[in-house]
Amino acid sequence: MTALDELQTARLMRAPRTSSARRQVTAAVKAGRALRPLPGIIMSAQVRDDYRAWVFATWMWRPSAIVAGRAALCLQGVEGITVQSVDVLLPYTYADRGRLRYRRCELSPELVTDRGHGPVVMPAAAALLLGVQGDLEAVCAALKQRITTVSDMRQARALLRCHPDARKMDRVLRYVSQSPWSVAELEVHELLRLVGITGWTGNPKLILHPSGHERGRICYPDAAFEAEKLALEVASETYHNNSMAFAMDTLRARWFAAEGWTQMPVTPVQVRRDPNAFLADLCSRLNSRHRPSELPWVEYTGRAPFWRIVDRRAKEAQWWENEAPLSQESEVW
């Protein structure tokens, strides 16, 4: 078997030692049929878009290199997220190569597991580190799929107390404290905390027992006000965009109604575009002890921490100065 035949079969190989095999590999690299992801490692071009090939190339190059980030979560069961680059932790500084992003970091052995071919950061620690980088989508996916929990992330934070981003991890833990299943849910949870709305729980396990049915039906509302029997649902297009999702939404609405619950659906666009109208609508449905004495005026910032309190009078004056319609006609949208 030639060096190229071996590469086609294995997809990854160490650089050959014989001169004839080296010439074959060099020609394949020049022709674009192979690439050198790391020193001494040859990869078939057929797998260049597969993050797992870059992971195994790393382990072939440095068996002690620890895979982190989205790749670590996917290797441990998280589905539905893409891996554009592979984060790798080393005890020293190393330049990025291709899809590999190297970070200097040493972790406690309790935060590392072995996936059979090499070390991987445990899901809780991987989620924390991703949250610090601003990748909250992957964190929410791991929580939704039960690959990790908020409790696990808190334990991982205790073991990362000497990490340079430890304080940022505390902010991430606040964001995910109610186990949001999407960034849109996380933003709404953070908005409720900011303005002082209480009496709610994020994604609680509710067992509904409609009359005439012996078996309970399990639902996880995005935010539940159990005292008011109000279920807040953040209906993002990502998860509510097909006939099956529509059918499930209507079925859940019947289950809640049979138990005397009221559902309050809202889209991420509605909350981000006019958070104050959303808050006023929500507070009108809550007991006085769960709503603030006075709602602050807020606006969406587009990135963490997502919301900020602003001076309402100043914002209204600015709107009338810069954006008020010049005619008497009203625009409906």
C-alpha atoms as a PDB file:
ATOM      1  CA  MET A   1       0.000   0.000   0.000  1.00  0.00           C
ATOM      2  CA  THR A   2       1.374   3.386  -0.995  1.00  0.00           C
ATOM      3  CA  ALA A   3       1.374   6.423   1.285  1.00  0.00           C
ATOM      4  CA  LEU A   4      -1.525   7.925  -0.673  1.00  0.00           C
ATOM      5  CA  ASP A   5      -3.542   4.699  -0.418  1.00  0.00           C
ATOM      6  CA  GLU A   6      -2.975   4.711   3.338  1.00  0.00           C
ATOM      7  CA  LEU A   7      -4.086   8.345   3.570  1.00  0.00           C
ATOM      8  CA  GLN A   8      -7.234   7.662   1.547  1.00  0.00           C
ATOM      9  CA  THR A   9      -8.106   4.791   3.899  1.00  0.00           C
ATOM     10  CA  ALA A  10      -7.213   6.336   7.243  1.00  0.00           C
ATOM     11  CA  ARG A  11      -7.904  10.042   6.366  1.00  0.00           C
ATOM     12  CA  LEU A  12      -5.111  10.936   8.805  1.00  0.00           C
ATOM     13  CA  MET A  13      -1.534   9.734   9.004  1.00  0.00           C
ATOM     14  CA  ARG A  14       1.855  10.716  10.279  1.00  0.00           C
ATOM     15  CA  ALA A  15       4.294  12.120   7.741  1.00  0.00           C
ATOM     16  CA  PRO A  16       6.032   9.181   6.040  1.00  0.00           C
ATOM     17  CA  ARG A  17       9.733   8.590   6.625  1.00  0.00           C
ATOM     18  CA  THR A  18      10.825   7.151   3.289  1.00  0.00           C
ATOM     19  CA  SER A  19      11.818   9.614   0.592  1.00  0.00           C
ATOM     20  CA  SER A  20       9.504   8.134  -2.058  1.00  0.00           C
ATOM     21  CA  ALA A  21       6.469   8.324   0.258  1.00  0.00           C
ATOM     22  CA  ARG A  22       7.363  11.880   1.241  1.00  0.00           C
ATOM     23  CA  ARG A  23       7.461  12.862  -2.423  1.00  0.00           C
ATOM     24  CA  GLN A  24       3.994  11.354  -2.952  1.00  0.00           C
ATOM     25  CA  VAL A  25       2.592  13.269   0.007  1.00  0.00           C
ATOM     26  CA  THR A  26       4.244  16.532  -1.069  1.00  0.00           C
ATOM     27  CA  ALA A  27       2.730  16.176  -4.531  1.00  0.00           C
ATOM     28  CA  ALA A  28      -0.693  15.455  -3.017  1.00  0.00           C
ATOM     29  CA  VAL A  29      -0.457  18.568  -0.823  1.00  0.00           C
ATOM     30  CA  LYS A  30       0.509  20.726  -3.799  1.00  0.00           C
ATOM     31  CA  ALA A  31      -2.381  19.275  -5.801  1.00  0.00           C
ATOM     32  CA  GLY A  32      -4.840  20.000  -2.990  1.00  0.00           C
ATOM     33  CA  ARG A  33      -5.646  16.346  -2.279  1.00  0.00           C
ATOM     34  CA  ALA A  34      -4.049  16.523   1.177  1.00  0.00           C
ATOM     35  CA  LEU A  35      -3.015  19.121   3.733  1.00  0.00           C
ATOM     36  CA  ARG A  36      -0.703  19.435   6.710  1.00  0.00           C
ATOM     37  CA  PRO A  37      -2.874  20.496   9.674  1.00  0.00           C
ATOM     38  CA  LEU A  38       0.018  20.148  12.146  1.00  0.00           C
ATOM     39  CA  PRO A  39       3.731  19.366  12.051  1.00  0.00           C
ATOM     40  CA  GLY A  40       4.247  15.751  11.071  1.00  0.00           C
ATOM     41  CA  ILE A  41       0.533  15.107  10.399  1.00  0.00           C
ATOM     42  CA  ILE A  42      -1.089  14.609   6.976  1.00  0.00           C
ATOM     43  CA  MET A  43      -4.858  14.925   6.444  1.00  0.00           C
ATOM     44  CA  SER A  44      -6.932  13.921   3.459  1.00  0.00           C
ATOM     45  CA  ALA A  45      -8.649  16.904   1.835  1.00  0.00           C
ATOM     46  CA  GLN A  46     -11.892  14.891   1.851  1.00  0.00           C
ATOM     47  CA  VAL A  47     -12.293  15.447   5.618  1.00  0.00           C
ATOM     48  CA  ARG A  48     -11.046  19.018   5.867  1.00  0.00           C
ATOM     49  CA  ASP A  49     -14.576  20.242   6.775  1.00  0.00           C
ATOM     50  CA  ASP A  50     -15.130  17.605   9.465  1.00  0.00           C
ATOM     51  CA  TYR A  51     -14.232  19.009  12.886  1.00  0.00           C
ATOM     52  CA  ARG A  52     -13.566  15.473  14.160  1.00  0.00           C
ATOM     53  CA  ALA A  53     -10.671  15.105  11.716  1.00  0.00           C
ATOM     54  CA  TRP A  54      -9.049  18.212  13.213  1.00  0.00           C
ATOM     55  CA  VAL A  55      -9.650  16.833  16.712  1.00  0.00           C
ATOM     56  CA  PHE A  56      -7.996  13.509  15.915  1.00  0.00           C
ATOM     57  CA  ALA A  57      -5.163  15.293  14.135  1.00  0.00           C
ATOM     58  CA  THR A  58      -4.543  17.250  17.328  1.00  0.00           C
ATOM     59  CA  TRP A  59      -4.492  14.107  19.460  1.00  0.00           C
ATOM     60  CA  MET A  60      -2.188  12.407  16.959  1.00  0.00           C
ATOM     61  CA  TRP A  61       0.158  15.397  17.213  1.00  0.00           C
ATOM     62  CA  ARG A  62      -0.103  15.927  20.998  1.00  0.00           C
ATOM     63  CA  PRO A  63      -1.908  13.128  22.879  1.00  0.00           C
ATOM     64  CA  SER A  64      -2.124  15.388  25.951  1.00  0.00           C
ATOM     65  CA  ALA A  65      -3.868  18.270  24.126  1.00  0.00           C
ATOM     66  CA  ILE A  66      -7.322  18.916  25.656  1.00  0.00           C
ATOM     67  CA  VAL A  67     -10.248  19.569  23.301  1.00  0.00           C
ATOM     68  CA  ALA A  68     -12.634  22.290  24.516  1.00  0.00           C
ATOM     69  CA  GLY A  69     -15.356  24.566  23.118  1.00  0.00           C
ATOM     70  CA  ARG A  70     -18.135  23.423  20.825  1.00  0.00           C
ATOM     71  CA  ALA A  71     -16.126  20.414  19.701  1.00  0.00           C
ATOM     72  CA  ALA A  72     -15.994  19.145  23.302  1.00  0.00           C
ATOM     73  CA  LEU A  73     -19.760  19.509  23.671  1.00  0.00           C
ATOM     74  CA  CYS A  74     -20.476  17.747  20.362  1.00  0.00           C
ATOM     75  CA  LEU A  75     -18.109  14.888  21.208  1.00  0.00           C
ATOM     76  CA  GLN A  76     -20.110  14.399  24.397  1.00  0.00           C
ATOM     77  CA  GLY A  77     -23.541  14.321  22.823  1.00  0.00           C
ATOM     78  CA  VAL A  78     -24.744  17.861  22.082  1.00  0.00           C
ATOM     79  CA  GLU A  79     -26.607  17.944  18.770  1.00  0.00           C
ATOM     80  CA  GLY A  80     -27.754  20.707  16.465  1.00  0.00           C
ATOM     81  CA  ILE A  81     -24.813  23.103  16.795  1.00  0.00           C
ATOM     82  CA  THR A  82     -22.086  23.665  14.200  1.00  0.00           C
ATOM     83  CA  VAL A  83     -18.366  23.539  14.889  1.00  0.00           C
ATOM     84  CA  GLN A  84     -16.511  26.094  12.783  1.00  0.00           C
ATOM     85  CA  SER A  85     -13.281  25.894  14.777  1.00  0.00           C
ATOM     86  CA  VAL A  86     -11.821  23.528  17.362  1.00  0.00           C
ATOM     87  CA  ASP A  87     -10.634  24.972  20.678  1.00  0.00           C
ATOM     88  CA  VAL A  88      -7.596  23.199  22.115  1.00  0.00           C
ATOM     89  CA  LEU A  89      -6.052  23.797  25.544  1.00  0.00           C
ATOM     90  CA  LEU A  90      -2.290  23.509  25.995  1.00  0.00           C
ATOM     91  CA  PRO A  91      -0.037  24.342  28.965  1.00  0.00           C
ATOM     92  CA  TYR A  92       1.914  26.703  26.697  1.00  0.00           C
ATOM     93  CA  THR A  93       1.278  29.252  23.958  1.00  0.00           C
ATOM     94  CA  TYR A  94       0.897  27.963  20.411  1.00  0.00           C
ATOM     95  CA  ALA A  95      -0.182  29.723  17.208  1.00  0.00           C
ATOM     96  CA  ASP A  96      -3.559  28.884  15.645  1.00  0.00           C
ATOM     97  CA  ARG A  97      -3.481  26.584  12.631  1.00  0.00           C
ATOM     98  CA  GLY A  98      -6.360  26.210  10.177  1.00  0.00           C
ATOM     99  CA  ARG A  99      -9.513  25.404  12.119  1.00  0.00           C
ATOM    100  CA  LEU A 100      -7.537  24.847  15.325  1.00  0.00           C
ATOM    101  CA  ARG A 101      -7.623  27.589  17.971  1.00  0.00           C
ATOM    102  CA  TYR A 102      -5.076  27.068  20.732  1.00  0.00           C
ATOM    103  CA  ARG A 103      -5.451  28.545  24.211  1.00  0.00           C
ATOM    104  CA  ARG A 104      -2.984  28.446  27.039  1.00  0.00           C
ATOM    105  CA  CYS A 105      -4.807  26.926  30.000  1.00  0.00           C
ATOM    106  CA  GLU A 106      -4.303  24.217  32.605  1.00  0.00           C
ATOM    107  CA  LEU A 107      -7.373  22.557  34.097  1.00  0.00           C
ATOM    108  CA  SER A 108      -8.007  20.473  37.178  1.00  0.00           C
ATOM    109  CA  PRO A 109      -8.115  16.740  36.273  1.00  0.00           C
ATOM    110  CA  GLU A 110     -11.687  16.686  37.603  1.00  0.00           C
ATOM    111  CA  LEU A 111     -12.744  18.873  34.662  1.00  0.00           C
ATOM    112  CA  VAL A 112     -11.261  16.602  31.997  1.00  0.00           C
ATOM    113  CA  THR A 113     -12.519  13.277  30.693  1.00  0.00           C
ATOM    114  CA  ASP A 114     -11.098  10.784  28.185  1.00  0.00           C
ATOM    115  CA  ARG A 115     -13.196  10.010  25.131  1.00  0.00           C
ATOM    116  CA  GLY A 116     -11.130   6.957  24.189  1.00  0.00           C
ATOM    117  CA  HIS A 117      -8.754   8.763  21.832  1.00  0.00           C
ATOM    118  CA  GLY A 118      -7.774  11.812  23.863  1.00  0.00           C
ATOM    119  CA  PRO A 119      -8.756  14.239  26.653  1.00  0.00           C
ATOM    120  CA  VAL A 120     -11.854  16.447  26.428  1.00  0.00           C
ATOM    121  CA  VAL A 121     -13.107  19.185  28.746  1.00  0.00           C
ATOM    122  CA  MET A 122     -16.170  18.075  30.729  1.00  0.00           C
ATOM    123  CA  PRO A 123     -19.444  19.587  29.446  1.00  0.00           C
ATOM    124  CA  ALA A 124     -19.950  21.880  32.458  1.00  0.00           C
ATOM    125  CA  ALA A 125     -16.498  23.460  32.138  1.00  0.00           C
ATOM    126  CA  ALA A 126     -16.736  23.598  28.339  1.00  0.00           C
ATOM    127  CA  ALA A 127     -20.066  25.437  28.626  1.00  0.00           C
ATOM    128  CA  LEU A 128     -18.623  27.924  31.122  1.00  0.00           C
ATOM    129  CA  LEU A 129     -15.642  28.687  28.906  1.00  0.00           C
ATOM    130  CA  LEU A 130     -17.917  29.102  25.876  1.00  0.00           C
ATOM    131  CA  GLY A 131     -20.151  31.445  27.847  1.00  0.00           C
ATOM    132  CA  VAL A 132     -17.159  33.619  28.703  1.00  0.00           C
ATOM    133  CA  GLN A 133     -16.409  33.825  24.961  1.00  0.00           C
ATOM    134  CA  GLY A 134     -19.998  34.959  24.339  1.00  0.00           C
ATOM    135  CA  ASP A 135     -21.175  31.710  22.718  1.00  0.00           C
ATOM    136  CA  LEU A 136     -24.388  31.376  24.729  1.00  0.00           C
ATOM    137  CA  GLU A 137     -26.162  29.472  21.950  1.00  0.00           C
ATOM    138  CA  ALA A 138     -23.997  26.408  22.573  1.00  0.00           C
ATOM    139  CA  VAL A 139     -24.450  26.736  26.341  1.00  0.00           C
ATOM    140  CA  CYS A 140     -28.240  26.798  26.000  1.00  0.00           C
ATOM    141  CA  ALA A 141     -28.153  23.778  23.669  1.00  0.00           C
ATOM    142  CA  ALA A 142     -26.173  21.788  26.258  1.00  0.00           C
ATOM    143  CA  LEU A 143     -28.670  22.729  28.981  1.00  0.00           C
ATOM    144  CA  LYS A 144     -31.696  21.912  26.837  1.00  0.00           C
ATOM    145  CA  GLN A 145     -30.348  18.488  25.902  1.00  0.00           C
ATOM    146  CA  ARG A 146     -29.420  17.737  29.536  1.00  0.00           C
ATOM    147  CA  ILE A 147     -25.755  17.246  28.643  1.00  0.00           C
ATOM    148  CA  THR A 148     -24.936  19.499  31.565  1.00  0.00           C
ATOM    149  CA  THR A 149     -26.848  21.331  34.294  1.00  0.00           C
ATOM    150  CA  VAL A 150     -26.555  24.652  36.083  1.00  0.00           C
ATOM    151  CA  SER A 151     -25.530  22.762  39.223  1.00  0.00           C
ATOM    152  CA  ASP A 152     -22.685  21.063  37.324  1.00  0.00           C
ATOM    153  CA  MET A 153     -21.585  24.435  35.956  1.00  0.00           C
ATOM    154  CA  ARG A 154     -21.482  25.898  39.469  1.00  0.00           C
ATOM    155  CA  GLN A 155     -19.280  23.023  40.612  1.00  0.00           C
ATOM    156  CA  ALA A 156     -16.995  23.572  37.631  1.00  0.00           C
ATOM    157  CA  ARG A 157     -16.805  27.281  38.485  1.00  0.00           C
ATOM    158  CA  ALA A 158     -15.570  26.389  41.982  1.00  0.00           C
ATOM    159  CA  LEU A 159     -12.714  24.405  40.417  1.00  0.00           C
ATOM    160  CA  LEU A 160     -11.912  27.320  38.069  1.00  0.00           C
ATOM    161  CA  ARG A 161     -11.593  29.947  40.817  1.00  0.00           C
ATOM    162  CA  CYS A 162      -8.037  30.791  39.698  1.00  0.00           C
ATOM    163  CA  HIS A 163      -8.958  31.151  36.029  1.00  0.00           C
ATOM    164  CA  PRO A 164      -8.365  34.707  34.690  1.00  0.00           C
ATOM    165  CA  ASP A 165     -11.991  34.864  33.509  1.00  0.00           C
ATOM    166  CA  ALA A 166     -13.474  33.624  36.793  1.00  0.00           C
ATOM    167  CA  ARG A 167     -15.541  36.774  37.333  1.00  0.00           C
ATOM    168  CA  LYS A 168     -16.969  36.564  33.832  1.00  0.00           C
ATOM    169  CA  MET A 169     -18.018  32.994  34.651  1.00  0.00           C
ATOM    170  CA  ASP A 170     -20.098  34.341  37.528  1.00  0.00           C
ATOM    171  CA  ARG A 171     -21.977  36.533  35.044  1.00  0.00           C
ATOM    172  CA  VAL A 172     -22.537  33.518  32.768  1.00  0.00           C
ATOM    173  CA  LEU A 173     -23.923  31.566  35.731  1.00  0.00           C
ATOM    174  CA  ARG A 174     -26.372  34.384  36.388  1.00  0.00           C
ATOM    175  CA  TYR A 175     -27.501  34.329  32.760  1.00  0.00           C
ATOM    176  CA  VAL A 176     -28.191  30.573  32.831  1.00  0.00           C
ATOM    177  CA  SER A 177     -29.411  30.323  36.435  1.00  0.00           C
ATOM    178  CA  GLN A 178     -32.927  29.382  35.226  1.00  0.00           C
ATOM    179  CA  SER A 179     -31.685  26.849  32.627  1.00  0.00           C
ATOM    180  CA  PRO A 180     -32.743  28.695  29.439  1.00  0.00           C
ATOM    181  CA  TRP A 181     -33.073  26.513  26.359  1.00  0.00           C
ATOM    182  CA  SER A 182     -32.277  29.296  23.878  1.00  0.00           C
ATOM    183  CA  VAL A 183     -30.591  32.692  23.797  1.00  0.00           C
ATOM    184  CA  ALA A 184     -34.008  34.309  23.313  1.00  0.00           C
ATOM    185  CA  GLU A 185     -35.212  32.731  26.577  1.00  0.00           C
ATOM    186  CA  LEU A 186     -32.012  33.773  28.305  1.00  0.00           C
ATOM    187  CA  GLU A 187     -32.563  37.377  27.223  1.00  0.00           C
ATOM    188  CA  VAL A 188     -36.128  37.375  28.585  1.00  0.00           C
ATOM    189  CA  HIS A 189     -34.991  35.859  31.884  1.00  0.00           C
ATOM    190  CA  GLU A 190     -32.336  38.547  32.215  1.00  0.00           C
ATOM    191  CA  LEU A 191     -34.904  41.245  31.427  1.00  0.00           C
ATOM    192  CA  LEU A 192     -37.219  40.000  34.196  1.00  0.00           C
ATOM    193  CA  ARG A 193     -34.329  40.038  36.664  1.00  0.00           C
ATOM    194  CA  LEU A 194     -33.246  43.527  35.637  1.00  0.00           C
ATOM    195  CA  VAL A 195     -36.629  45.198  36.187  1.00  0.00           C
ATOM    196  CA  GLY A 196     -37.376  43.311  39.414  1.00  0.00           C
ATOM    197  CA  ILE A 197     -40.199  40.987  38.345  1.00  0.00           C
ATOM    198  CA  THR A 198     -40.370  38.029  40.741  1.00  0.00           C
ATOM    199  CA  GLY A 199     -42.447  34.902  41.331  1.00  0.00           C
ATOM    200  CA  TRP A 200     -41.276  33.064  38.221  1.00  0.00           C
ATOM    201  CA  THR A 201     -39.208  29.978  37.435  1.00  0.00           C
ATOM    202  CA  GLY A 202     -37.483  29.180  34.148  1.00  0.00           C
ATOM    203  CA  ASN A 203     -38.313  25.894  32.416  1.00  0.00           C
ATOM    204  CA  PRO A 204     -39.853  24.186  35.465  1.00  0.00           C
ATOM    205  CA  LYS A 205     -41.184  20.668  35.058  1.00  0.00           C
ATOM    206  CA  LEU A 206     -44.970  21.003  35.266  1.00  0.00           C
ATOM    207  CA  ILE A 207     -47.098  17.864  35.416  1.00  0.00           C
ATOM    208  CA  LEU A 208     -50.583  18.735  34.242  1.00  0.00           C
ATOM    209  CA  HIS A 209     -53.492  16.469  35.173  1.00  0.00           C
ATOM    210  CA  PRO A 210     -56.544  17.514  33.162  1.00  0.00           C
ATOM    211  CA  SER A 211     -59.789  16.072  34.495  1.00  0.00           C
ATOM    212  CA  GLY A 212     -60.639  12.700  32.991  1.00  0.00           C
ATOM    213  CA  HIS A 213     -56.996  11.788  32.332  1.00  0.00           C
ATOM    214  CA  GLU A 214     -55.096   9.495  34.676  1.00  0.00           C
ATOM    215  CA  ARG A 215     -51.676  10.091  33.132  1.00  0.00           C
ATOM    216  CA  GLY A 216     -49.940  13.401  33.738  1.00  0.00           C
ATOM    217  CA  ARG A 217     -48.682  15.508  30.862  1.00  0.00           C
ATOM    218  CA  ILE A 218     -45.260  17.085  31.288  1.00  0.00           C
ATOM    219  CA  CYS A 219     -44.618  20.625  30.062  1.00  0.00           C
ATOM    220  CA  TYR A 220     -41.665  22.989  30.423  1.00  0.00           C
ATOM    221  CA  PRO A 221     -42.846  26.607  30.026  1.00  0.00           C
ATOM    222  CA  ASP A 222     -40.076  29.103  29.287  1.00  0.00           C
ATOM    223  CA  ALA A 223     -41.050  31.028  32.438  1.00  0.00           C
ATOM    224  CA  ALA A 224     -43.830  30.001  34.799  1.00  0.00           C
ATOM    225  CA  PHE A 225     -45.643  32.202  37.327  1.00  0.00           C
ATOM    226  CA  GLU A 226     -47.257  29.426  39.324  1.00  0.00           C
ATOM    227  CA  ALA A 227     -49.174  31.714  41.704  1.00  0.00           C
ATOM    228  CA  GLU A 228     -50.909  33.368  38.726  1.00  0.00           C
ATOM    229  CA  LYS A 229     -50.938  30.161  36.642  1.00  0.00           C
ATOM    230  CA  LEU A 230     -49.303  32.133  33.837  1.00  0.00           C
ATOM    231  CA  ALA A 231     -46.958  30.433  31.367  1.00  0.00           C
ATOM    232  CA  LEU A 232     -44.694  32.759  29.392  1.00  0.00           C
ATOM    233  CA  GLU A 233     -43.650  31.238  26.061  1.00  0.00           C
ATOM    234  CA  VAL A 234     -40.855  32.727  23.940  1.00  0.00           C
ATOM    235  CA  ALA A 235     -41.883  31.547  20.467  1.00  0.00           C
ATOM    236  CA  SER A 236     -38.750  31.871  18.348  1.00  0.00           C
ATOM    237  CA  GLU A 237     -38.801  30.906  14.675  1.00  0.00           C
ATOM    238  CA  THR A 238     -35.971  28.443  15.272  1.00  0.00           C
ATOM    239  CA  TYR A 239     -38.215  26.031  17.186  1.00  0.00           C
ATOM    240  CA  HIS A 240     -41.722  27.085  16.059  1.00  0.00           C
ATOM    241  CA  ASN A 241     -41.394  27.161  12.284  1.00  0.00           C
ATOM    242  CA  ASN A 242     -43.078  24.021  10.944  1.00  0.00           C
ATOM    243  CA  SER A 243     -46.400  22.185  11.016  1.00  0.00           C
ATOM    244  CA  MET A 244     -45.261  19.744  13.707  1.00  0.00           C
ATOM    245  CA  ALA A 245     -44.198  22.568  16.020  1.00  0.00           C
ATOM    246  CA  PHE A 246     -47.493  24.366  15.361  1.00  0.00           C
ATOM    247  CA  ALA A 247     -49.476  21.232  16.195  1.00  0.00           C
ATOM    248  CA  MET A 248     -47.494  20.724  19.401  1.00  0.00           C
ATOM    249  CA  ASP A 249     -47.991  24.362  20.413  1.00  0.00           C
ATOM    250  CA  THR A 250     -51.775  24.083  20.049  1.00  0.00           C
ATOM    251  CA  LEU A 251     -51.809  20.788  21.969  1.00  0.00           C
ATOM    252  CA  ARG A 252     -49.817  22.335  24.814  1.00  0.00           C
ATOM    253  CA  ALA A 253     -52.209  25.294  24.849  1.00  0.00           C
ATOM    254  CA  ARG A 254     -55.125  22.871  25.384  1.00  0.00           C
ATOM    255  CA  TRP A 255     -53.270  21.117  28.196  1.00  0.00           C
ATOM    256  CA  PHE A 256     -52.569  24.397  29.974  1.00  0.00           C
ATOM    257  CA  ALA A 257     -56.130  25.664  29.469  1.00  0.00           C
ATOM    258  CA  ALA A 258     -57.573  22.448  30.921  1.00  0.00           C
ATOM    259  CA  GLU A 259     -55.623  23.117  34.110  1.00  0.00           C
ATOM    260  CA  GLY A 260     -56.673  26.754  34.342  1.00  0.00           C
ATOM    261  CA  TRP A 261     -53.352  28.133  33.114  1.00  0.00           C
ATOM    262  CA  THR A 262     -53.014  31.099  30.751  1.00  0.00           C
ATOM    263  CA  GLN A 263     -50.302  31.092  28.110  1.00  0.00           C
ATOM    264  CA  MET A 264     -48.631  34.364  27.130  1.00  0.00           C
ATOM    265  CA  PRO A 265     -46.710  33.925  23.865  1.00  0.00           C
ATOM    266  CA  VAL A 266     -44.161  36.490  22.702  1.00  0.00           C
ATOM    267  CA  THR A 267     -41.559  36.460  19.936  1.00  0.00           C
ATOM    268  CA  PRO A 268     -37.923  37.489  20.405  1.00  0.00           C
ATOM    269  CA  VAL A 269     -38.394  40.295  17.865  1.00  0.00           C
ATOM    270  CA  GLN A 270     -41.343  41.704  19.820  1.00  0.00           C
ATOM    271  CA  VAL A 271     -39.391  41.715  23.085  1.00  0.00           C
ATOM    272  CA  ARG A 272     -36.265  43.245  21.553  1.00  0.00           C
ATOM    273  CA  ARG A 273     -38.123  45.870  19.523  1.00  0.00           C
ATOM    274  CA  ASP A 274     -40.495  47.039  22.270  1.00  0.00           C
ATOM    275  CA  PRO A 275     -39.505  45.557  25.646  1.00  0.00           C
ATOM    276  CA  ASN A 276     -41.472  48.186  27.561  1.00  0.00           C
ATOM    277  CA  ALA A 277     -44.789  47.240  25.960  1.00  0.00           C
ATOM    278  CA  PHE A 278     -44.047  43.583  26.701  1.00  0.00           C
ATOM    279  CA  LEU A 279     -43.244  44.352  30.352  1.00  0.00           C
ATOM    280  CA  ALA A 280     -46.372  46.446  30.798  1.00  0.00           C
ATOM    281  CA  ASP A 281     -48.502  43.654  29.324  1.00  0.00           C
ATOM    282  CA  LEU A 282     -46.851  41.068  31.569  1.00  0.00           C
ATOM    283  CA  CYS A 283     -47.177  43.144  34.750  1.00  0.00           C
ATOM    284  CA  SER A 284     -50.878  43.688  34.088  1.00  0.00           C
ATOM    285  CA  ARG A 285     -51.309  39.932  34.576  1.00  0.00           C
ATOM    286  CA  LEU A 286     -49.249  39.592  37.772  1.00  0.00           C
ATOM    287  CA  ASN A 287     -50.040  39.894  41.452  1.00  0.00           C
ATOM    288  CA  SER A 288     -48.799  43.142  43.002  1.00  0.00           C
ATOM    289  CA  ARG A 289     -46.169  41.326  45.066  1.00  0.00           C
ATOM    290  CA  HIS A 290     -44.503  39.998  41.911  1.00  0.00           C
ATOM    291  CA  ARG A 291     -44.229  43.246  39.971  1.00  0.00           C
ATOM    292  CA  PRO A 292     -42.072  46.281  40.776  1.00  0.00           C
ATOM    293  CA  SER A 293     -43.706  49.396  42.210  1.00  0.00           C
ATOM    294  CA  GLU A 294     -42.560  51.250  39.093  1.00  0.00           C
ATOM    295  CA  LEU A 295     -41.318  49.747  35.863  1.00  0.00           C
ATOM    296  CA  PRO A 296     -38.057  51.249  34.609  1.00  0.00           C
ATOM    297  CA  TRP A 297     -37.698  52.144  30.915  1.00  0.00           C
ATOM    298  CA  VAL A 298     -35.369  49.695  29.168  1.00  0.00           C
ATOM    299  CA  GLU A 299     -33.868  49.138  25.739  1.00  0.00           C
ATOM    300  CA  TYR A 300     -32.155  46.236  24.005  1.00  0.00           C
ATOM    301  CA  THR A 301     -28.385  46.494  23.522  1.00  0.00           C
ATOM    302  CA  GLY A 302     -27.870  43.597  21.097  1.00  0.00           C
ATOM    303  CA  ARG A 303     -25.269  41.775  23.171  1.00  0.00           C
ATOM    304  CA  ALA A 304     -24.596  40.808  26.777  1.00  0.00           C
ATOM    305  CA  PRO A 305     -25.818  42.066  29.174  1.00  0.00           C
ATOM    306  CA  PHE A 306     -28.609  42.592  26.567  1.00  0.00           C
ATOM    307  CA  TRP A 307     -30.623  45.302  28.370  1.00  0.00           C
ATOM    308  CA  ARG A 308     -30.046  48.668  29.956  1.00  0.00           C
ATOM    309  CA  ILE A 309     -32.219  51.071  31.905  1.00  0.00           C
ATOM    310  CA  VAL A 310     -32.592  54.456  30.190  1.00  0.00           C
ATOM    311  CA  ASP A 311     -34.191  57.823  30.925  1.00  0.00           C
ATOM    312  CA  ARG A 312     -37.650  57.602  29.388  1.00  0.00           C
ATOM    313  CA  ARG A 313     -38.134  61.341  28.971  1.00  0.00           C
ATOM    314  CA  ALA A 314     -34.781  61.753  27.254  1.00  0.00           C
ATOM    315  CA  LYS A 315     -35.527  58.855  24.869  1.00  0.00           C
ATOM    316  CA  GLU A 316     -38.964  60.235  23.989  1.00  0.00           C
ATOM    317  CA  ALA A 317     -37.502  63.683  23.345  1.00  0.00           C
ATOM    318  CA  GLN A 318     -34.852  62.162  21.107  1.00  0.00           C
ATOM    319  CA  TRP A 319     -37.492  60.205  19.198  1.00  0.00           C
ATOM    320  CA  TRP A 320     -39.636  63.279  18.575  1.00  0.00           C
ATOM    321  CA  GLU A 321     -36.580  65.178  17.415  1.00  0.00           C
ATOM    322  CA  ASN A 322     -35.137  62.560  15.071  1.00  0.00           C
ATOM    323  CA  GLU A 323     -37.804  59.986  14.156  1.00  0.00           C
ATOM    324  CA  ALA A 324     -41.278  61.466  14.563  1.00  0.00           C
ATOM    325  CA  PRO A 325     -43.329  61.327  11.327  1.00  0.00           C
ATOM    326  CA  LEU A 326     -43.449  64.589   9.413  1.00  0.00           C
ATOM    327  CA  SER A 327     -47.056  64.104   8.341  1.00  0.00           C
ATOM    328  CA  GLN A 328     -50.233  63.356  10.260  1.00  0.00           C
ATOM    329  CA  GLU A 329     -50.531  59.915   8.686  1.00  0.00           C
ATOM    330  CA  SER A 330     -49.887  56.927  10.918  1.00  0.00           C
ATOM    331  CA  GLU A 331     -47.878  53.959   9.807  1.00  0.00           C
ATOM    332  CA  VAL A 332     -49.120  50.519  10.830  1.00  0.00           C
ATOM    333  CA  TRP A 333     -46.531  47.728  11.192  1.00  0.00           C
END
